[in-house]
Structures are given as structure tokens and as C-alpha cells.
């Protein structure tokens, strides 16, 4: 009997407890990697939004430079009257298509060029403030032209990352809207 027990102890292999401990450790490591990977995608999305706002701002500044002969009020009227939240005014200064939300859903705007979006649906603008806009912010002496991104429908992690990037990117934030000022009212 002692010989059998001695042989069993010397036999190579793992006990059930050892295997369970290894499986638990692997599960904990996999779970923590999922958290890290999720944070990385939020950072990437926030960086893409800031990059797109900078591109919109550059296009808006070029539009402004090309329209210096017009009065400030005429330019503001053009921005306000643009049916697509002002982005069509920037069309000559952009290089890719953008999509717009209409009452029936998302439809491509063939005459309007867009930004470096992965899919057209990411650049949704329309009746509800969502996506990217070129518009007038404020009123009276506080009026300013701005390019904006409305955060409705994006994850809280992305919004948190955008808040962390405000100072370094020159963005402002107010009520779910991240914006970059193009020009303040001369009045």
C-alpha cells in the first residue's frame, strides 16, 4: 500500500486546485486587459474628434480669408442660412464626402466634401444637435463663429477624454458641445 501511495505522489501533473488557481489568474488578467483596451479606444475616438475639429477650423479660416470683401453680417447670414449646419460653406476646402441626417435618416450629400471620417455616418448633422457643425455661438457682443462637435450619443469615456484634451487643443466645452472659436464678433 505504501508503495502505491509513493508512486502516486511521484507521478507528474497538476492537481485540480492548481489548475483552478491558474484559470482564475488568467481570467483576472484577461479582464484587466479588456479595461485597458476600452480606455485606448476612447482615447483614439477623442483624438479623432479633436483632429476633425482642427480640420474644420482650418477650412473655416480659409473660407473666412476668401470672403474678406464681404461684410461680417453677410458672412454670418451665410452661415445661419446654410441648410446643413454651415458645413457646405466649407466644401471647397475639404476633400472627402460627409453624410447628413434628414427626417428620413442618413443620406449622403454628394456636393459636400467632408473630413477624415472612417464612415460617413460618423459625421452626422441635422435637426438635433449631433455631430459636427459650423455655426454662430452666443448672441450680441458675445457672438462668435465656431466649429463644434455635439457629444449626444457617444460614450462617457470619450467625453471624459475630450475634457482632458480641452486645454492642450484650444477647445471649449459647454452643455455637451466641444467647440473651437473661429472669429469673434467685431461689435
Protein backbone atom coordinates (compact mmCIF):
# COMPACT_ATOMS: atom_id res chain seq x y z
CA UNK A 1 0.00 0.00 0.00
CA UNK A 2 2.77 2.39 0.85
CA UNK A 3 4.42 1.70 -2.47
CA UNK A 4 1.24 2.66 -4.36
CA UNK A 5 0.92 5.93 -2.44
CA UNK A 6 4.56 6.75 -3.02
CA UNK A 7 4.19 6.12 -6.77
CA UNK A 8 1.08 8.32 -6.91
CA UNK A 9 2.90 11.21 -5.26
CA UNK A 10 5.81 10.98 -7.64
CA UNK A 11 3.59 10.97 -10.73
CA UNK A 12 3.98 14.26 -12.69
CA UNK A 13 0.93 16.51 -13.22
CA UNK A 14 -1.18 19.21 -11.61
CA UNK A 15 -3.85 18.92 -9.00
CA UNK A 16 -7.34 20.23 -9.60
CA UNK A 17 -6.73 23.11 -7.16
CA UNK A 18 -3.59 24.18 -9.01
CA UNK A 19 -5.43 24.18 -12.34
CA UNK A 20 -8.32 26.22 -10.91
CA UNK A 21 -5.93 28.81 -9.49
CA UNK A 22 -4.20 29.20 -12.88
CA UNK A 23 -7.58 29.57 -14.64
CA UNK A 24 -8.68 32.24 -12.15
CA UNK A 25 -5.43 34.19 -12.60
CA UNK A 26 -5.79 34.07 -16.40
CA UNK A 27 -9.39 35.31 -16.08
CA UNK A 28 -8.33 38.25 -13.90
CA UNK A 29 -5.56 39.21 -16.35
CA UNK A 30 -7.92 38.98 -19.34
CA UNK A 31 -10.49 41.17 -17.55
CA UNK A 32 -7.93 43.85 -16.78
CA UNK A 33 -6.72 43.81 -20.40
CA UNK A 34 -10.30 44.44 -21.56
CA UNK A 35 -10.44 47.57 -19.37
CA UNK A 36 -7.15 48.84 -20.77
CA UNK A 37 -8.25 48.16 -24.37
CA UNK A 38 -11.54 50.03 -23.80
CA UNK A 39 -9.69 53.06 -22.49
CA UNK A 40 -7.45 53.06 -25.56
CA UNK A 41 -10.41 53.16 -27.94
CA UNK A 42 -11.90 56.10 -26.02
CA UNK A 43 -8.62 57.98 -26.36
CA UNK A 44 -8.45 57.20 -30.08
CA UNK A 45 -12.04 58.39 -30.62
CA UNK A 46 -11.42 61.62 -28.68
CA UNK A 47 -8.22 62.26 -30.63
CA UNK A 48 -10.09 61.75 -33.91
CA UNK A 49 -12.78 64.25 -32.85
CA UNK A 50 -10.16 66.88 -31.93
CA UNK A 51 -8.34 66.28 -35.23
CA UNK A 52 -11.59 66.68 -37.18
CA UNK A 53 -12.40 69.91 -35.32
CA UNK A 54 -8.95 71.26 -36.18
CA UNK A 55 -9.51 70.38 -39.85
CA UNK A 56 -12.90 72.10 -39.77
CA UNK A 57 -11.35 75.14 -38.12
CA UNK A 58 -8.66 75.33 -40.82
CA UNK A 59 -11.32 75.08 -43.54
CA UNK A 60 -13.42 77.78 -41.82
CA UNK A 61 -10.41 80.10 -41.63
CA UNK A 62 -9.74 79.59 -45.35
CA UNK A 63 -13.42 80.30 -46.09
CA UNK A 64 -13.16 83.48 -44.00
CA UNK A 65 -9.99 84.59 -45.83
CA UNK A 66 -11.66 84.05 -49.21
CA UNK A 67 -14.66 86.17 -48.14
CA UNK A 68 -12.87 89.17 -46.62
CA UNK A 69 -14.54 91.50 -49.12
CA UNK A 70 -17.96 90.74 -47.66
CA UNK A 71 -19.29 92.36 -44.51
CA UNK A 72 -19.20 90.40 -41.26
CA UNK A 73 -23.02 90.38 -41.17
CA UNK A 74 -23.23 88.98 -44.72
CA UNK A 75 -20.89 86.16 -43.75
CA UNK A 76 -22.93 85.44 -40.60
CA UNK A 77 -26.11 85.35 -42.67
CA UNK A 78 -24.50 82.80 -45.00
CA UNK A 79 -23.58 80.61 -42.02
CA UNK A 80 -27.06 80.87 -40.47
CA UNK A 81 -28.85 80.15 -43.76
CA UNK A 82 -26.83 77.07 -44.67
CA UNK A 83 -29.27 74.15 -44.52
CA UNK A 84 -26.61 71.71 -43.36
CA UNK A 85 -25.36 73.50 -40.25
CA UNK A 86 -22.85 75.55 -42.21
CA UNK A 87 -20.62 72.72 -43.34
CA UNK A 88 -21.48 73.15 -47.04
CA UNK A 89 -19.78 76.56 -46.90
CA UNK A 90 -16.55 74.73 -46.13
CA UNK A 91 -16.99 72.29 -49.04
CA UNK A 92 -14.32 73.80 -51.32
CA UNK A 93 -11.75 73.45 -48.53
CA UNK A 94 -12.39 69.77 -47.71
CA UNK A 95 -11.56 66.59 -49.58
CA UNK A 96 -13.99 63.78 -48.64
CA UNK A 97 -17.74 63.21 -48.58
CA UNK A 98 -19.82 63.70 -45.45
CA UNK A 99 -23.28 62.43 -44.57
CA UNK A 100 -26.22 64.36 -43.19
CA UNK A 101 -29.24 63.35 -41.18
CA UNK A 102 -32.53 64.32 -42.68
CA UNK A 103 -36.03 63.46 -41.46
CA UNK A 104 -35.91 60.04 -43.16
CA UNK A 105 -32.49 59.02 -41.85
CA UNK A 106 -28.95 59.41 -43.07
CA UNK A 107 -28.47 60.45 -46.68
CA UNK A 108 -25.21 61.31 -48.44
CA UNK A 109 -24.69 64.90 -49.54
CA UNK A 110 -22.94 64.43 -52.90
CA UNK A 111 -21.93 68.06 -53.34
CA UNK A 112 -20.46 68.37 -49.87
CA UNK A 113 -16.98 67.21 -49.03
CA UNK A 114 -16.14 66.12 -45.53
CA UNK A 115 -13.33 65.22 -43.22
CA UNK A 116 -11.27 62.16 -42.45
CA UNK A 117 -14.16 60.14 -41.04
CA UNK A 118 -13.93 56.36 -41.11
CA UNK A 119 -17.56 56.12 -42.24
CA UNK A 120 -19.94 58.82 -43.44
CA UNK A 121 -22.33 58.09 -40.57
CA UNK A 122 -19.79 59.47 -38.09
CA UNK A 123 -20.27 62.96 -39.49
CA UNK A 124 -23.99 63.13 -38.85
CA UNK A 125 -25.53 66.56 -38.50
CA UNK A 126 -29.16 67.51 -38.68
CA UNK A 127 -32.26 68.62 -36.82
CA UNK A 128 -30.95 67.53 -33.42
CA UNK A 129 -27.55 68.88 -32.39
CA UNK A 130 -25.32 65.92 -33.09
CA UNK A 131 -22.00 65.54 -34.83
CA UNK A 132 -20.06 68.41 -36.40
CA UNK A 133 -21.29 71.96 -37.06
CA UNK A 134 -20.05 75.33 -38.34
CA UNK A 135 -22.32 77.90 -36.72
CA UNK A 136 -22.78 81.09 -34.68
CA UNK A 137 -22.39 80.71 -30.91
CA UNK A 138 -23.74 83.19 -28.40
CA UNK A 139 -25.51 86.48 -29.08
CA UNK A 140 -24.82 90.21 -29.15
CA UNK A 141 -21.26 91.18 -28.33
CA UNK A 142 -20.54 87.56 -27.28
CA UNK A 143 -21.26 86.23 -30.79
CA UNK A 144 -18.58 84.08 -32.34
CA UNK A 145 -18.23 81.71 -35.29
CA UNK A 146 -17.29 78.23 -34.17
CA UNK A 147 -16.86 74.67 -35.32
CA UNK A 148 -18.45 72.28 -32.87
CA UNK A 149 -18.91 68.64 -32.04
CA UNK A 150 -22.05 67.73 -30.09
CA UNK A 151 -21.47 64.71 -27.86
CA UNK A 152 -25.00 63.28 -27.88
CA UNK A 153 -24.82 59.53 -28.36
CA UNK A 154 -21.12 58.99 -27.64
CA UNK A 155 -19.71 57.17 -24.64
CA UNK A 156 -18.92 58.86 -21.36
CA UNK A 157 -15.31 57.64 -21.62
CA UNK A 158 -14.87 59.60 -24.85
CA UNK A 159 -16.41 62.72 -23.28
CA UNK A 160 -14.06 62.33 -20.31
CA UNK A 161 -11.05 62.09 -22.66
CA UNK A 162 -12.26 65.17 -24.59
CA UNK A 163 -12.50 67.09 -21.31
CA UNK A 164 -8.90 66.09 -20.59
CA UNK A 165 -7.80 67.41 -24.00
CA UNK A 166 -9.56 70.80 -23.79
CA UNK A 167 -6.64 72.90 -22.62
CA UNK A 168 -3.99 71.39 -24.89
CA UNK A 169 -6.18 71.54 -28.02
CA UNK A 170 -7.70 75.02 -27.60
CA UNK A 171 -11.25 73.68 -27.30
CA UNK A 172 -14.05 74.99 -25.17
CA UNK A 173 -16.89 72.94 -23.71
CA UNK A 174 -20.43 73.83 -22.78
CA UNK A 175 -23.52 71.64 -22.32
CA UNK A 176 -22.34 68.64 -24.33
CA UNK A 177 -20.74 70.72 -27.08
CA UNK A 178 -17.00 70.87 -27.67
CA UNK A 179 -16.07 73.83 -29.87
CA UNK A 180 -13.23 75.85 -31.35
CA UNK A 181 -13.76 79.57 -31.95
CA UNK A 182 -13.01 80.83 -35.47
CA UNK A 183 -13.74 84.55 -35.13
CA UNK A 184 -15.44 86.72 -32.55
CA UNK A 185 -17.92 89.43 -33.45
CA UNK A 186 -16.27 92.81 -34.16
CA UNK A 187 -19.02 94.61 -32.22
